[in-house]
Amino acid sequence: MPAYPRRSSRTVGGQHTDRENPDGGGRAKQAKAVIDGNRLHRDVTDTGCAMDSLLHVVCSPRATASLSLALADVFLDAYREAHPTAVVDTFNLWDGTLPAFGPTAVGARAGILAGQELGGPQEEAWAAVTETFERFAAHRHYLFSVPVWNGDMPYVLKQFIDVVSQPGLLYRPDDAARGLLTQRKAAIIRTGSGYGPTPPDGTSSPTGLEAWLRWSGMEEVRQVLLRHDPAAPEAALSYRLAENHVRELGSTF
């Protein structure tokens, strides 16, 4: 097994601190209030976030053993060099803060669409959904570090997509053809084994994640894929090639 360089994760600017209503008190009512399409569009696009603001969505549970995180560190080093004033927020989907989207939240969604007032557990569930979406929407640039599980994304990333893809938040309830996260762009770093050699250009075919990001409104989505047999003699070379690709991507993003 080749030895890969490891770097510690770091976040510039600290973790997300938008916690005006930690108990979720008025957030569900606010979500109901912005169900109107025109007002919704202003709420999503006029976030006041800096152009050099990036959210790194961590999808691997392997911490320092993760190749996708190792490559993400390379990307972020290059990104910070190109954007010295950038603020980077790290959202680890495995840290326990991603809310569930089960029967209570689904019921809240139905109530929101029906114009009903929410209360009790449903209000709390929708407050958590809204807060997660607000954290996601507060950035202009996105990095997803994603291990390939069974040919696709880890289930926790699908959970994240289900949580934030809500009417009245990500898209207008009367027009779901495309989401409202315009003037944004995303980079995806994917790592997996057993899928053949790394393509010469370091890219990969479209994925469900890419399709969702484009539907959400993002005009630019770029990918780098590292796929290799970690026990193969050329594994270290494959990693170095992928490292070069993500460094270039981070410096031009």
C-alpha atoms as a PDB file:
ATOM      1  CA  MET A   1       0.000   0.000   0.000  1.00  0.00           C
ATOM      2  CA  PRO A   2       1.580   3.321  -1.003  1.00  0.00           C
ATOM      3  CA  ALA A   3       1.861   6.042   1.594  1.00  0.00           C
ATOM      4  CA  TYR A   4      -0.084   9.183   0.785  1.00  0.00           C
ATOM      5  CA  PRO A   5       0.708  12.595   2.250  1.00  0.00           C
ATOM      6  CA  ARG A   6      -1.729  13.681   4.915  1.00  0.00           C
ATOM      7  CA  ARG A   7      -2.707  17.194   5.833  1.00  0.00           C
ATOM      8  CA  SER A   8      -4.831  18.381   8.678  1.00  0.00           C
ATOM      9  CA  SER A   9      -8.218  19.886   7.930  1.00  0.00           C
ATOM     10  CA  ARG A  10      -8.568  23.554   8.668  1.00  0.00           C
ATOM     11  CA  THR A  11     -11.290  26.146   8.417  1.00  0.00           C
ATOM     12  CA  VAL A  12     -10.655  29.844   7.880  1.00  0.00           C
ATOM     13  CA  GLY A  13     -13.101  32.166   9.538  1.00  0.00           C
ATOM     14  CA  GLY A  14     -14.420  29.548  11.944  1.00  0.00           C
ATOM     15  CA  GLN A  15     -17.546  27.475  11.774  1.00  0.00           C
ATOM     16  CA  HIS A  16     -20.891  28.845  10.707  1.00  0.00           C
ATOM     17  CA  THR A  17     -22.226  31.113  13.440  1.00  0.00           C
ATOM     18  CA  ASP A  18     -25.655  32.094  12.180  1.00  0.00           C
ATOM     19  CA  ARG A  19     -27.512  30.934  15.258  1.00  0.00           C
ATOM     20  CA  GLU A  20     -29.853  33.826  16.040  1.00  0.00           C
ATOM     21  CA  ASN A  21     -32.656  31.423  16.938  1.00  0.00           C
ATOM     22  CA  PRO A  22     -30.980  28.343  18.416  1.00  0.00           C
ATOM     23  CA  ASP A  23     -34.314  26.862  19.427  1.00  0.00           C
ATOM     24  CA  GLY A  24     -35.706  27.204  15.890  1.00  0.00           C
ATOM     25  CA  GLY A  25     -38.446  29.412  17.300  1.00  0.00           C
ATOM     26  CA  GLY A  26     -39.557  31.475  14.313  1.00  0.00           C
ATOM     27  CA  ARG A  27     -37.784  29.751  11.494  1.00  0.00           C
ATOM     28  CA  ALA A  28     -40.651  27.511  10.393  1.00  0.00           C
ATOM     29  CA  LYS A  29     -43.018  30.481  10.384  1.00  0.00           C
ATOM     30  CA  GLN A  30     -40.429  32.446   8.407  1.00  0.00           C
ATOM     31  CA  ALA A  31     -40.174  29.595   5.906  1.00  0.00           C
ATOM     32  CA  LYS A  32     -43.938  29.667   5.489  1.00  0.00           C
ATOM     33  CA  ALA A  33     -43.841  33.421   4.993  1.00  0.00           C
ATOM     34  CA  VAL A  34     -41.329  33.248   2.132  1.00  0.00           C
ATOM     35  CA  ILE A  35     -43.272  30.673   0.133  1.00  0.00           C
ATOM     36  CA  ASP A  36     -44.153  33.419  -2.368  1.00  0.00           C
ATOM     37  CA  GLY A  37     -41.902  32.977  -5.400  1.00  0.00           C
ATOM     38  CA  ASN A  38     -40.764  36.584  -5.842  1.00  0.00           C
ATOM     39  CA  ARG A  39     -39.834  37.098  -2.221  1.00  0.00           C
ATOM     40  CA  LEU A  40     -38.169  33.696  -2.148  1.00  0.00           C
ATOM     41  CA  HIS A  41     -35.887  34.634  -5.026  1.00  0.00           C
ATOM     42  CA  ARG A  42     -34.659  37.732  -3.212  1.00  0.00           C
ATOM     43  CA  ASP A  43     -34.126  35.822   0.032  1.00  0.00           C
ATOM     44  CA  VAL A  44     -31.942  33.212  -1.664  1.00  0.00           C
ATOM     45  CA  THR A  45     -29.848  35.444  -3.903  1.00  0.00           C
ATOM     46  CA  ASP A  46     -29.414  38.485  -1.637  1.00  0.00           C
ATOM     47  CA  THR A  47     -27.596  36.588   1.087  1.00  0.00           C
ATOM     48  CA  GLY A  48     -24.922  39.232   1.529  1.00  0.00           C
ATOM     49  CA  CYS A  49     -22.195  36.585   1.359  1.00  0.00           C
ATOM     50  CA  ALA A  50     -18.760  37.496   0.066  1.00  0.00           C
ATOM     51  CA  MET A  51     -17.780  36.368  -3.396  1.00  0.00           C
ATOM     52  CA  ASP A  52     -14.731  34.621  -1.892  1.00  0.00           C
ATOM     53  CA  SER A  53     -16.800  32.373   0.355  1.00  0.00           C
ATOM     54  CA  LEU A  54     -16.593  28.597   0.022  1.00  0.00           C
ATOM     55  CA  LEU A  55     -18.429  25.759   1.712  1.00  0.00           C
ATOM     56  CA  HIS A  56     -16.553  22.456   1.850  1.00  0.00           C
ATOM     57  CA  VAL A  57     -19.039  19.606   2.181  1.00  0.00           C
ATOM     58  CA  VAL A  58     -17.197  16.596   3.621  1.00  0.00           C
ATOM     59  CA  CYS A  59     -18.847  13.325   2.617  1.00  0.00           C
ATOM     60  CA  SER A  60     -16.295  10.793   3.871  1.00  0.00           C
ATOM     61  CA  PRO A  61     -16.388   9.352   7.411  1.00  0.00           C
ATOM     62  CA  ARG A  62     -12.723   8.294   7.280  1.00  0.00           C
ATOM     63  CA  ALA A  63     -11.150  11.530   8.569  1.00  0.00           C
ATOM     64  CA  THR A  64      -7.372  11.469   8.077  1.00  0.00           C
ATOM     65  CA  ALA A  65      -7.550   8.116   6.247  1.00  0.00           C
ATOM     66  CA  SER A  66      -9.709   9.620   3.485  1.00  0.00           C
ATOM     67  CA  LEU A  67      -8.218  10.159   0.030  1.00  0.00           C
ATOM     68  CA  SER A  68     -11.032  12.523  -0.941  1.00  0.00           C
ATOM     69  CA  LEU A  69     -10.171  14.694   2.071  1.00  0.00           C
ATOM     70  CA  ALA A  70      -6.461  14.582   1.254  1.00  0.00           C
ATOM     71  CA  LEU A  71      -7.203  15.865  -2.242  1.00  0.00           C
ATOM     72  CA  ALA A  72      -9.617  18.436  -0.819  1.00  0.00           C
ATOM     73  CA  ASP A  73      -6.764  19.822   1.294  1.00  0.00           C
ATOM     74  CA  VAL A  74      -4.682  20.243  -1.861  1.00  0.00           C
ATOM     75  CA  PHE A  75      -7.572  22.029  -3.573  1.00  0.00           C
ATOM     76  CA  LEU A  76      -8.137  24.327  -0.592  1.00  0.00           C
ATOM     77  CA  ASP A  77      -4.461  25.266  -0.307  1.00  0.00           C
ATOM     78  CA  ALA A  78      -4.495  26.338  -3.960  1.00  0.00           C
ATOM     79  CA  TYR A  79      -7.859  28.063  -3.557  1.00  0.00           C
ATOM     80  CA  ARG A  80      -6.674  30.078  -0.553  1.00  0.00           C
ATOM     81  CA  GLU A  81      -3.539  31.114  -2.400  1.00  0.00           C
ATOM     82  CA  ALA A  82      -5.684  32.386  -5.269  1.00  0.00           C
ATOM     83  CA  HIS A  83      -8.234  33.947  -2.875  1.00  0.00           C
ATOM     84  CA  PRO A  84      -6.252  35.332   0.084  1.00  0.00           C
ATOM     85  CA  THR A  85      -9.346  36.836   1.710  1.00  0.00           C
ATOM     86  CA  ALA A  86     -11.474  33.732   1.274  1.00  0.00           C
ATOM     87  CA  VAL A  87     -13.593  32.405   4.115  1.00  0.00           C
ATOM     88  CA  VAL A  88     -13.963  28.607   4.101  1.00  0.00           C
ATOM     89  CA  ASP A  89     -16.689  26.882   6.083  1.00  0.00           C
ATOM     90  CA  THR A  90     -16.415  23.105   6.563  1.00  0.00           C
ATOM     91  CA  PHE A  91     -19.641  21.111   6.829  1.00  0.00           C
ATOM     92  CA  ASN A  92     -18.820  17.538   7.828  1.00  0.00           C
ATOM     93  CA  LEU A  93     -21.963  15.552   7.057  1.00  0.00           C
ATOM     94  CA  TRP A  94     -20.926  12.945   9.630  1.00  0.00           C
ATOM     95  CA  ASP A  95     -20.607  15.308  12.596  1.00  0.00           C
ATOM     96  CA  GLY A  96     -24.168  14.766  13.814  1.00  0.00           C
ATOM     97  CA  THR A  97     -25.560  18.192  12.872  1.00  0.00           C
ATOM     98  CA  LEU A  98     -27.281  17.131   9.631  1.00  0.00           C
ATOM     99  CA  PRO A  99     -30.975  16.817  10.489  1.00  0.00           C
ATOM    100  CA  ALA A 100     -33.013  13.774   9.598  1.00  0.00           C
ATOM    101  CA  PHE A 101     -35.633  14.062   6.885  1.00  0.00           C
ATOM    102  CA  GLY A 102     -38.150  11.504   8.033  1.00  0.00           C
ATOM    103  CA  PRO A 103     -41.892  11.397   8.762  1.00  0.00           C
ATOM    104  CA  THR A 104     -41.949  14.553  10.897  1.00  0.00           C
ATOM    105  CA  ALA A 105     -40.028  16.706   8.430  1.00  0.00           C
ATOM    106  CA  VAL A 106     -42.001  15.322   5.485  1.00  0.00           C
ATOM    107  CA  GLY A 107     -45.206  16.180   7.323  1.00  0.00           C
ATOM    108  CA  ALA A 108     -43.900  19.685   7.946  1.00  0.00           C
ATOM    109  CA  ARG A 109     -43.135  20.067   4.249  1.00  0.00           C
ATOM    110  CA  ALA A 110     -46.670  19.057   3.374  1.00  0.00           C
ATOM    111  CA  GLY A 111     -48.005  21.568   5.894  1.00  0.00           C
ATOM    112  CA  ILE A 112     -45.857  24.352   4.454  1.00  0.00           C
ATOM    113  CA  LEU A 113     -47.142  23.623   0.951  1.00  0.00           C
ATOM    114  CA  ALA A 114     -50.723  23.634   2.247  1.00  0.00           C
ATOM    115  CA  GLY A 115     -50.200  27.011   3.926  1.00  0.00           C
ATOM    116  CA  GLN A 116     -50.659  25.631   7.412  1.00  0.00           C
ATOM    117  CA  GLU A 117     -49.124  26.927  10.619  1.00  0.00           C
ATOM    118  CA  LEU A 118     -46.597  24.506  12.047  1.00  0.00           C
ATOM    119  CA  GLY A 119     -46.231  23.654  15.702  1.00  0.00           C
ATOM    120  CA  GLY A 120     -44.494  21.228  18.008  1.00  0.00           C
ATOM    121  CA  PRO A 121     -42.156  18.631  16.474  1.00  0.00           C
ATOM    122  CA  GLN A 122     -43.005  19.661  12.907  1.00  0.00           C
ATOM    123  CA  GLU A 123     -42.024  23.268  13.556  1.00  0.00           C
ATOM    124  CA  GLU A 124     -38.755  22.111  15.110  1.00  0.00           C
ATOM    125  CA  ALA A 125     -38.068  19.766  12.196  1.00  0.00           C
ATOM    126  CA  TRP A 126     -38.687  22.496   9.626  1.00  0.00           C
ATOM    127  CA  ALA A 127     -36.528  24.929  11.592  1.00  0.00           C
ATOM    128  CA  ALA A 128     -33.643  22.454  11.323  1.00  0.00           C
ATOM    129  CA  VAL A 129     -34.248  22.056   7.574  1.00  0.00           C
ATOM    130  CA  THR A 130     -34.333  25.828   7.091  1.00  0.00           C
ATOM    131  CA  GLU A 131     -31.186  26.387   9.122  1.00  0.00           C
ATOM    132  CA  THR A 132     -29.301  23.762   7.103  1.00  0.00           C
ATOM    133  CA  PHE A 133     -30.425  25.312   3.841  1.00  0.00           C
ATOM    134  CA  GLU A 134     -29.430  28.798   4.997  1.00  0.00           C
ATOM    135  CA  ARG A 135     -25.947  27.572   5.808  1.00  0.00           C
ATOM    136  CA  PHE A 136     -25.711  25.980   2.369  1.00  0.00           C
ATOM    137  CA  ALA A 137     -27.061  29.011   0.490  1.00  0.00           C
ATOM    138  CA  ALA A 138     -24.799  31.508   2.282  1.00  0.00           C
ATOM    139  CA  HIS A 139     -21.852  30.796  -0.035  1.00  0.00           C
ATOM    140  CA  ARG A 140     -20.869  31.399  -3.642  1.00  0.00           C
ATOM    141  CA  HIS A 141     -18.360  28.598  -4.069  1.00  0.00           C
ATOM    142  CA  TYR A 142     -18.686  24.934  -3.082  1.00  0.00           C
ATOM    143  CA  LEU A 143     -16.354  21.972  -2.758  1.00  0.00           C
ATOM    144  CA  PHE A 144     -17.711  18.449  -2.328  1.00  0.00           C
ATOM    145  CA  SER A 145     -15.185  15.755  -1.326  1.00  0.00           C
ATOM    146  CA  VAL A 146     -16.983  12.515  -2.091  1.00  0.00           C
ATOM    147  CA  PRO A 147     -15.910   8.874  -1.817  1.00  0.00           C
ATOM    148  CA  VAL A 148     -17.591   6.609  -4.357  1.00  0.00           C
ATOM    149  CA  TRP A 149     -19.840   4.094  -2.589  1.00  0.00           C
ATOM    150  CA  ASN A 150     -21.324   1.331  -4.727  1.00  0.00           C
ATOM    151  CA  GLY A 151     -20.866   3.420  -7.847  1.00  0.00           C
ATOM    152  CA  ASP A 152     -22.502   6.539  -6.426  1.00  0.00           C
ATOM    153  CA  MET A 153     -22.568   8.864  -3.425  1.00  0.00           C
ATOM    154  CA  PRO A 154     -22.588   7.946   0.297  1.00  0.00           C
ATOM    155  CA  TYR A 155     -26.087   7.866   1.752  1.00  0.00           C
ATOM    156  CA  VAL A 156     -25.350  10.833   4.007  1.00  0.00           C
ATOM    157  CA  LEU A 157     -24.852  13.061   0.937  1.00  0.00           C
ATOM    158  CA  LYS A 158     -28.212  11.945  -0.450  1.00  0.00           C
ATOM    159  CA  GLN A 159     -29.694  12.842   2.943  1.00  0.00           C
ATOM    160  CA  PHE A 160     -28.155  16.314   2.678  1.00  0.00           C
ATOM    161  CA  ILE A 161     -29.652  16.761  -0.798  1.00  0.00           C
ATOM    162  CA  ASP A 162     -33.071  15.677   0.468  1.00  0.00           C
ATOM    163  CA  VAL A 163     -32.881  18.090   3.414  1.00  0.00           C
ATOM    164  CA  VAL A 164     -32.012  21.234   1.430  1.00  0.00           C
ATOM    165  CA  SER A 165     -34.070  20.563  -1.722  1.00  0.00           C
ATOM    166  CA  GLN A 166     -37.251  22.142  -0.442  1.00  0.00           C
ATOM    167  CA  PRO A 167     -40.002  24.265  -2.005  1.00  0.00           C
ATOM    168  CA  GLY A 168     -39.869  27.775  -0.674  1.00  0.00           C
ATOM    169  CA  LEU A 169     -36.139  27.382  -0.059  1.00  0.00           C
ATOM    170  CA  LEU A 170     -34.174  25.909  -2.956  1.00  0.00           C
ATOM    171  CA  TYR A 171     -36.864  26.377  -5.609  1.00  0.00           C
ATOM    172  CA  ARG A 172     -40.140  28.166  -6.144  1.00  0.00           C
ATOM    173  CA  PRO A 173     -43.099  25.961  -5.239  1.00  0.00           C
ATOM    174  CA  ASP A 174     -44.810  26.991  -8.477  1.00  0.00           C
ATOM    175  CA  ASP A 175     -41.744  26.309 -10.653  1.00  0.00           C
ATOM    176  CA  ALA A 176     -39.465  23.370  -9.883  1.00  0.00           C
ATOM    177  CA  ALA A 177     -37.783  23.381 -13.315  1.00  0.00           C
ATOM    178  CA  ARG A 178     -34.622  24.830 -11.804  1.00  0.00           C
ATOM    179  CA  GLY A 179     -33.379  25.922  -8.411  1.00  0.00           C
ATOM    180  CA  LEU A 180     -32.525  29.431  -7.265  1.00  0.00           C
ATOM    181  CA  LEU A 181     -28.843  29.114  -6.352  1.00  0.00           C
ATOM    182  CA  THR A 182     -27.620  31.134  -9.323  1.00  0.00           C
ATOM    183  CA  GLN A 183     -24.294  32.987  -9.611  1.00  0.00           C
ATOM    184  CA  ARG A 184     -22.576  30.107  -7.820  1.00  0.00           C
ATOM    185  CA  LYS A 185     -20.246  27.298  -8.815  1.00  0.00           C
ATOM    186  CA  ALA A 186     -19.122  23.959  -7.415  1.00  0.00           C
ATOM    187  CA  ALA A 187     -16.174  21.583  -7.588  1.00  0.00           C
ATOM    188  CA  ILE A 188     -16.468  17.848  -6.906  1.00  0.00           C
ATOM    189  CA  ILE A 189     -13.583  15.591  -5.887  1.00  0.00           C
ATOM    190  CA  ARG A 190     -14.510  11.919  -6.140  1.00  0.00           C
ATOM    191  CA  THR A 191     -12.372   8.967  -5.111  1.00  0.00           C
ATOM    192  CA  GLY A 192     -13.040   5.269  -5.549  1.00  0.00           C
ATOM    193  CA  SER A 193     -11.416   1.966  -6.406  1.00  0.00           C
ATOM    194  CA  GLY A 194     -12.387  -0.801  -8.781  1.00  0.00           C
ATOM    195  CA  TYR A 195     -13.554   1.488 -11.579  1.00  0.00           C
ATOM    196  CA  GLY A 196     -10.585   1.288 -13.922  1.00  0.00           C
ATOM    197  CA  PRO A 197      -7.701   3.714 -14.453  1.00  0.00           C
ATOM    198  CA  THR A 198      -7.983   7.441 -13.898  1.00  0.00           C
ATOM    199  CA  PRO A 199      -9.053   9.154 -17.158  1.00  0.00           C
ATOM    200  CA  PRO A 200      -6.187  11.088 -18.787  1.00  0.00           C
ATOM    201  CA  ASP A 201      -7.838  14.461 -18.122  1.00  0.00           C
ATOM    202  CA  GLY A 202      -8.700  13.568 -14.531  1.00  0.00           C
ATOM    203  CA  THR A 203     -12.408  14.149 -15.072  1.00  0.00           C
ATOM    204  CA  SER A 204     -15.363  11.790 -14.908  1.00  0.00           C
ATOM    205  CA  SER A 205     -18.739  11.279 -16.471  1.00  0.00           C
ATOM    206  CA  PRO A 206     -21.724  13.233 -15.103  1.00  0.00           C
ATOM    207  CA  THR A 207     -23.036  12.047 -11.752  1.00  0.00           C
ATOM    208  CA  GLY A 208     -26.239  12.437  -9.791  1.00  0.00           C
ATOM    209  CA  LEU A 209     -24.525  15.050  -7.639  1.00  0.00           C
ATOM    210  CA  GLU A 210     -23.484  17.079 -10.666  1.00  0.00           C
ATOM    211  CA  ALA A 211     -26.983  16.895 -12.123  1.00  0.00           C
ATOM    212  CA  TRP A 212     -28.482  18.068  -8.826  1.00  0.00           C
ATOM    213  CA  LEU A 213     -26.041  20.976  -8.531  1.00  0.00           C
ATOM    214  CA  ARG A 214     -26.857  22.131 -12.043  1.00  0.00           C
ATOM    215  CA  TRP A 215     -30.566  21.823 -11.332  1.00  0.00           C
ATOM    216  CA  SER A 216     -30.101  23.890  -8.165  1.00  0.00           C
ATOM    217  CA  GLY A 217     -29.052  26.798 -10.369  1.00  0.00           C
ATOM    218  CA  MET A 218     -25.261  26.564 -10.504  1.00  0.00           C
ATOM    219  CA  GLU A 219     -23.841  27.534 -13.863  1.00  0.00           C
ATOM    220  CA  GLU A 220     -20.445  25.860 -13.407  1.00  0.00           C
ATOM    221  CA  VAL A 221     -19.765  22.395 -11.950  1.00  0.00           C
ATOM    222  CA  ARG A 222     -16.318  20.810 -12.335  1.00  0.00           C
ATOM    223  CA  GLN A 223     -15.134  17.362 -11.285  1.00  0.00           C
ATOM    224  CA  VAL A 224     -11.948  15.454 -10.643  1.00  0.00           C
ATOM    225  CA  LEU A 225     -12.042  11.679 -10.189  1.00  0.00           C
ATOM    226  CA  LEU A 226      -9.355   9.480  -8.651  1.00  0.00           C
ATOM    227  CA  ARG A 227     -10.172   5.865  -9.361  1.00  0.00           C
ATOM    228  CA  HIS A 228      -7.540   3.245  -8.799  1.00  0.00           C
ATOM    229  CA  ASP A 229      -6.665   0.013  -7.085  1.00  0.00           C
ATOM    230  CA  PRO A 230      -4.951   1.112  -3.850  1.00  0.00           C
ATOM    231  CA  ALA A 231      -2.844  -2.087  -3.873  1.00  0.00           C
ATOM    232  CA  ALA A 232      -1.623  -1.601  -7.451  1.00  0.00           C
ATOM    233  CA  PRO A 233       1.960  -0.491  -8.124  1.00  0.00           C
ATOM    234  CA  GLU A 234       0.725   2.609  -9.966  1.00  0.00           C
ATOM    235  CA  ALA A 235      -1.534   3.738  -7.092  1.00  0.00           C
ATOM    236  CA  ALA A 236       0.873   6.420  -5.881  1.00  0.00           C
ATOM    237  CA  LEU A 237       1.306   7.749  -9.425  1.00  0.00           C
ATOM    238  CA  SER A 238      -2.474   7.899  -9.887  1.00  0.00           C
ATOM    239  CA  TYR A 239      -2.729   9.890  -6.682  1.00  0.00           C
ATOM    240  CA  ARG A 240      -0.028  12.322  -7.797  1.00  0.00           C
ATOM    241  CA  LEU A 241      -1.811  12.887 -11.111  1.00  0.00           C
ATOM    242  CA  ALA A 242      -5.108  13.535  -9.334  1.00  0.00           C
ATOM    243  CA  GLU A 243      -3.287  15.849  -6.915  1.00  0.00           C
ATOM    244  CA  ASN A 244      -2.013  17.913  -9.843  1.00  0.00           C
ATOM    245  CA  HIS A 245      -5.515  18.135 -11.306  1.00  0.00           C
ATOM    246  CA  VAL A 246      -7.139  19.329  -8.077  1.00  0.00           C
ATOM    247  CA  ARG A 247      -4.324  21.827  -7.442  1.00  0.00           C
ATOM    248  CA  GLU A 248      -4.929  23.354 -10.855  1.00  0.00           C
ATOM    249  CA  LEU A 249      -8.676  23.361 -10.252  1.00  0.00           C
ATOM    250  CA  GLY A 250      -8.314  25.071  -6.888  1.00  0.00           C
ATOM    251  CA  SER A 251      -6.004  27.754  -8.277  1.00  0.00           C
ATOM    252  CA  THR A 252      -8.406  28.649 -11.100  1.00  0.00           C
ATOM    253  CA  PHE A 253     -11.698  28.238  -9.260  1.00  0.00           C
END
